[in-house]
Amino acid sequence: MIVIRHPNSGVCEYLSKHINAKIINAGDGTNEHPTQALLDCFSIKEKLGTLEDKNILIVGDILHSRVALSNIFSLKLLGAHVKVCGTPSLIPKHIESLGVSVETNLKKALEWCDVANVLRIQNERTDFPYFPTTRDYVKQFGIDKVIIDALSKPIIIMHPGPINRGVEMTSDVADSDQAIVLDQVENGVAVRMAVIYLLAQKL
């Protein structure tokens, strides 16, 4: 069994064709991160009881995020409605073809959702800036307690980590009762143990 994280997209599929072993994708390039999606779905179900007909928002750097793609596939499969939000330069073209909608107004998007899965800006995967300055990004898409408290209903806040505190969200949001980031970390251990256990049975 091989657990692999690699900067190149598609490396897991390539490896599976050349090695007689079970391959667990721990993140390949900007393609996918399946176990993160599994733990995210489990964490939402733990809080809401179901994902059926729930409104899930993915906000941030959609273009470079392997978490976003895996979440879209898994959430749609489990009956959730998915919307992405971010600066247009960080939203992939034709993403609507995956059955998701796009909203560039953060407050409208947050008002729509039951859960907001917030992604960090992945500067290490970009060759040039996708927005003028970090301050500009924070002004448009940074989530703080004022924004959250102004919503008409409480929402769940998620983040795959690590959090750029003060950029995608402030510390008072990350550490609030609405945030389930630590639950995600805990659930990630159990979910990945389950994946290894189930695959080991098939060896």
Protein backbone atom coordinates (compact mmCIF):
# COMPACT_ATOMS: atom_id res chain seq x y z
CA MET A 1 0.00 0.00 0.00
CA ILE A 2 1.28 3.46 -0.91
CA VAL A 3 0.03 6.79 0.42
CA ILE A 4 1.25 9.55 -1.86
CA ARG A 5 1.11 13.33 -2.00
CA HIS A 6 2.74 14.77 -5.09
CA PRO A 7 2.95 18.15 -6.86
CA ASN A 8 1.99 16.64 -10.24
CA SER A 9 -1.65 16.01 -11.09
CA GLY A 10 -2.44 12.47 -12.23
CA VAL A 11 0.58 10.84 -10.58
CA CYS A 12 -1.58 8.43 -8.56
CA GLU A 13 -3.31 7.07 -11.64
CA TYR A 14 0.07 6.74 -13.38
CA LEU A 15 1.56 4.91 -10.41
CA SER A 16 -1.39 2.52 -10.17
CA LYS A 17 -0.69 1.33 -13.70
CA HIS A 18 2.95 0.51 -13.00
CA ILE A 19 2.98 -0.82 -9.42
CA ASN A 20 1.11 -3.76 -7.92
CA ALA A 21 -0.07 -1.93 -4.78
CA LYS A 22 -3.07 -0.08 -3.40
CA ILE A 23 -2.62 3.66 -4.01
CA ILE A 24 -4.16 6.19 -1.61
CA ASN A 25 -4.23 9.69 -3.08
CA ALA A 26 -3.22 12.16 -0.37
CA GLY A 27 -3.31 15.02 -2.87
CA ASP A 28 -2.01 15.18 -6.44
CA GLY A 29 -1.13 18.62 -7.74
CA THR A 30 -4.24 20.74 -8.22
CA ASN A 31 -6.34 17.69 -9.11
CA GLU A 32 -7.91 15.96 -6.11
CA HIS A 33 -7.64 15.18 -2.40
CA PRO A 34 -10.21 12.39 -1.88
CA THR A 35 -9.73 11.65 1.83
CA GLN A 36 -10.15 15.35 2.66
CA ALA A 37 -13.50 15.27 0.85
CA LEU A 38 -14.52 12.14 2.77
CA LEU A 39 -13.72 13.70 6.15
CA ASP A 40 -15.41 16.96 5.16
CA CYS A 41 -18.61 15.14 4.19
CA PHE A 42 -18.48 13.08 7.38
CA SER A 43 -17.99 16.25 9.47
CA ILE A 44 -20.99 17.95 7.84
CA LYS A 45 -23.16 14.85 8.30
CA GLU A 46 -22.09 14.68 11.93
CA LYS A 47 -23.41 18.22 12.50
CA LEU A 48 -26.44 18.34 10.20
CA GLY A 49 -27.48 14.69 10.08
CA THR A 50 -27.52 14.58 6.29
CA LEU A 51 -26.10 16.28 3.22
CA GLU A 52 -29.27 15.83 1.19
CA ASP A 53 -30.52 19.24 -0.02
CA LYS A 54 -28.01 21.13 2.15
CA ASN A 55 -26.40 24.26 0.70
CA ILE A 56 -22.63 24.00 0.79
CA LEU A 57 -20.43 26.95 -0.17
CA ILE A 58 -16.78 26.56 -1.16
CA VAL A 59 -15.05 29.92 -0.96
CA GLY A 60 -11.49 30.96 -1.77
CA ASP A 61 -8.86 29.71 -4.20
CA ILE A 62 -10.95 27.26 -6.22
CA LEU A 63 -8.56 27.25 -9.18
CA HIS A 64 -5.57 25.75 -7.38
CA SER A 65 -7.41 23.68 -4.77
CA ARG A 66 -7.50 19.90 -5.01
CA VAL A 67 -9.84 19.97 -2.00
CA ALA A 68 -12.45 21.92 -4.00
CA LEU A 69 -12.73 19.40 -6.82
CA SER A 70 -12.97 16.36 -4.54
CA ASN A 71 -15.54 18.16 -2.37
CA ILE A 72 -17.65 19.06 -5.40
CA PHE A 73 -17.73 15.44 -6.58
CA SER A 74 -18.54 13.98 -3.15
CA LEU A 75 -21.06 16.61 -2.07
CA LYS A 76 -22.99 16.38 -5.34
CA LEU A 77 -23.00 12.58 -5.08
CA LEU A 78 -24.54 12.83 -1.60
CA GLY A 79 -27.30 15.19 -2.71
CA ALA A 80 -25.98 18.58 -1.59
CA HIS A 81 -26.27 21.83 -3.51
CA VAL A 82 -22.83 23.34 -4.12
CA LYS A 83 -21.85 26.92 -4.84
CA VAL A 84 -18.36 28.37 -5.25
CA CYS A 85 -17.34 31.90 -4.37
CA GLY A 86 -14.18 33.88 -4.93
CA THR A 87 -12.47 36.41 -7.11
CA PRO A 88 -13.20 35.54 -10.78
CA SER A 89 -9.50 34.99 -11.50
CA LEU A 90 -9.47 32.10 -9.00
CA ILE A 91 -12.60 30.35 -10.29
CA PRO A 92 -11.98 27.82 -13.10
CA LYS A 93 -13.68 28.39 -16.44
CA HIS A 94 -16.67 26.15 -17.14
CA ILE A 95 -16.92 25.04 -13.48
CA GLU A 96 -20.70 25.22 -13.87
CA SER A 97 -20.42 22.07 -16.02
CA LEU A 98 -19.80 20.18 -12.76
CA GLY A 99 -23.27 21.13 -11.55
CA VAL A 100 -22.22 23.98 -9.26
CA SER A 101 -23.17 27.65 -9.34
CA VAL A 102 -20.87 30.65 -9.01
CA GLU A 103 -21.32 33.70 -6.77
CA THR A 104 -18.76 36.51 -6.56
CA ASN A 105 -20.53 38.39 -3.76
CA LEU A 106 -19.35 36.89 -0.47
CA LYS A 107 -22.23 38.14 1.69
CA LYS A 108 -24.86 36.78 -0.71
CA ALA A 109 -23.06 33.45 -0.85
CA LEU A 110 -22.83 33.16 2.93
CA GLU A 111 -26.50 34.09 3.31
CA TRP A 112 -27.37 31.22 0.93
CA CYS A 113 -25.34 28.47 2.55
CA ASP A 114 -25.72 26.11 5.50
CA VAL A 115 -21.98 25.38 5.50
CA ALA A 116 -19.04 27.46 4.28
CA ASN A 117 -15.88 25.51 3.47
CA VAL A 118 -13.18 28.17 3.32
CA LEU A 119 -10.00 27.53 1.32
CA ARG A 120 -6.70 29.30 1.66
CA ILE A 121 -4.93 31.26 -1.04
CA GLN A 122 -2.26 28.90 -2.35
CA ASN A 123 0.52 31.27 -3.26
CA GLU A 124 3.01 28.40 -3.53
CA ARG A 125 1.11 27.07 -6.55
CA THR A 126 0.86 30.35 -8.44
CA ASP A 127 3.37 31.88 -10.82
CA PHE A 128 1.83 35.35 -10.76
CA PRO A 129 -0.66 37.26 -8.59
CA TYR A 130 -4.35 36.60 -9.26
CA PHE A 131 -5.46 39.76 -7.41
CA PRO A 132 -3.80 43.15 -6.79
CA THR A 133 -2.88 42.74 -3.10
CA THR A 134 -3.72 40.54 -0.12
CA ARG A 135 -5.47 43.53 1.42
CA ASP A 136 -7.77 43.74 -1.61
CA TYR A 137 -8.58 40.05 -1.31
CA VAL A 138 -9.33 40.32 2.41
CA LYS A 139 -11.60 43.30 1.81
CA GLN A 140 -13.72 41.33 -0.68
CA PHE A 141 -13.49 37.72 0.49
CA GLY A 142 -12.11 37.70 4.03
CA ILE A 143 -14.61 36.36 6.58
CA ASP A 144 -14.79 38.08 9.95
CA LYS A 145 -17.14 37.92 12.93
CA VAL A 146 -19.03 41.04 11.82
CA ILE A 147 -20.01 39.35 8.56
CA ILE A 148 -20.94 36.07 10.27
CA ASP A 149 -23.01 37.76 13.01
CA ALA A 150 -24.93 39.79 10.40
CA LEU A 151 -26.29 36.67 8.66
CA SER A 152 -29.95 35.76 9.13
CA LYS A 153 -29.06 32.26 10.40
CA PRO A 154 -26.06 30.51 11.95
CA ILE A 155 -23.82 28.65 9.51
CA ILE A 156 -21.06 26.09 9.95
CA ILE A 157 -17.52 27.20 9.12
CA MET A 158 -14.99 24.68 7.80
CA HIS A 159 -11.36 24.89 6.68
CA PRO A 160 -9.02 22.11 5.50
CA GLY A 161 -6.03 23.90 7.04
CA PRO A 162 -3.62 25.39 7.44
CA ILE A 163 -5.50 28.65 8.03
CA ASN A 164 -4.00 31.96 6.97
CA ARG A 165 -5.49 33.81 9.92
CA GLY A 166 -6.44 37.34 8.96
CA VAL A 167 -6.62 36.48 5.26
CA GLU A 168 -9.41 34.01 4.44
CA MET A 169 -10.83 34.29 7.95
CA THR A 170 -10.08 36.06 11.19
CA SER A 171 -9.10 34.24 14.38
CA ASP A 172 -12.41 35.03 16.07
CA VAL A 173 -14.18 33.14 13.28
CA ALA A 174 -11.69 30.24 13.21
CA ASP A 175 -11.99 29.81 16.98
CA SER A 176 -15.75 30.39 17.22
CA ASP A 177 -18.40 27.83 18.16
CA GLN A 178 -19.55 27.81 14.53
CA ALA A 179 -16.18 26.58 13.29
CA ILE A 180 -15.62 22.81 13.16
CA VAL A 181 -11.99 22.89 12.04
CA LEU A 182 -10.78 20.82 15.01
CA ASP A 183 -13.58 18.32 14.41
CA GLN A 184 -12.33 17.97 10.84
CA VAL A 185 -8.82 17.21 12.10
CA GLU A 186 -10.12 14.57 14.51
CA ASN A 187 -12.44 13.04 11.93
CA GLY A 188 -9.61 12.98 9.42
CA VAL A 189 -7.72 10.48 11.56
CA ALA A 190 -10.72 8.15 11.79
CA VAL A 191 -11.66 8.43 8.12
CA ARG A 192 -8.13 7.74 6.92
CA MET A 193 -7.83 4.80 9.30
CA ALA A 194 -11.05 3.44 7.78
CA VAL A 195 -9.72 3.88 4.23
CA ILE A 196 -6.53 2.00 5.06
CA TYR A 197 -8.49 -0.72 6.89
CA LEU A 198 -10.91 -1.28 4.02
CA LEU A 199 -8.18 -1.34 1.39
CA ALA A 200 -6.03 -3.68 3.51
CA GLN A 201 -8.86 -6.21 3.53
CA LYS A 202 -8.58 -6.44 -0.25
CA LEU A 203 -4.84 -7.12 -0.38
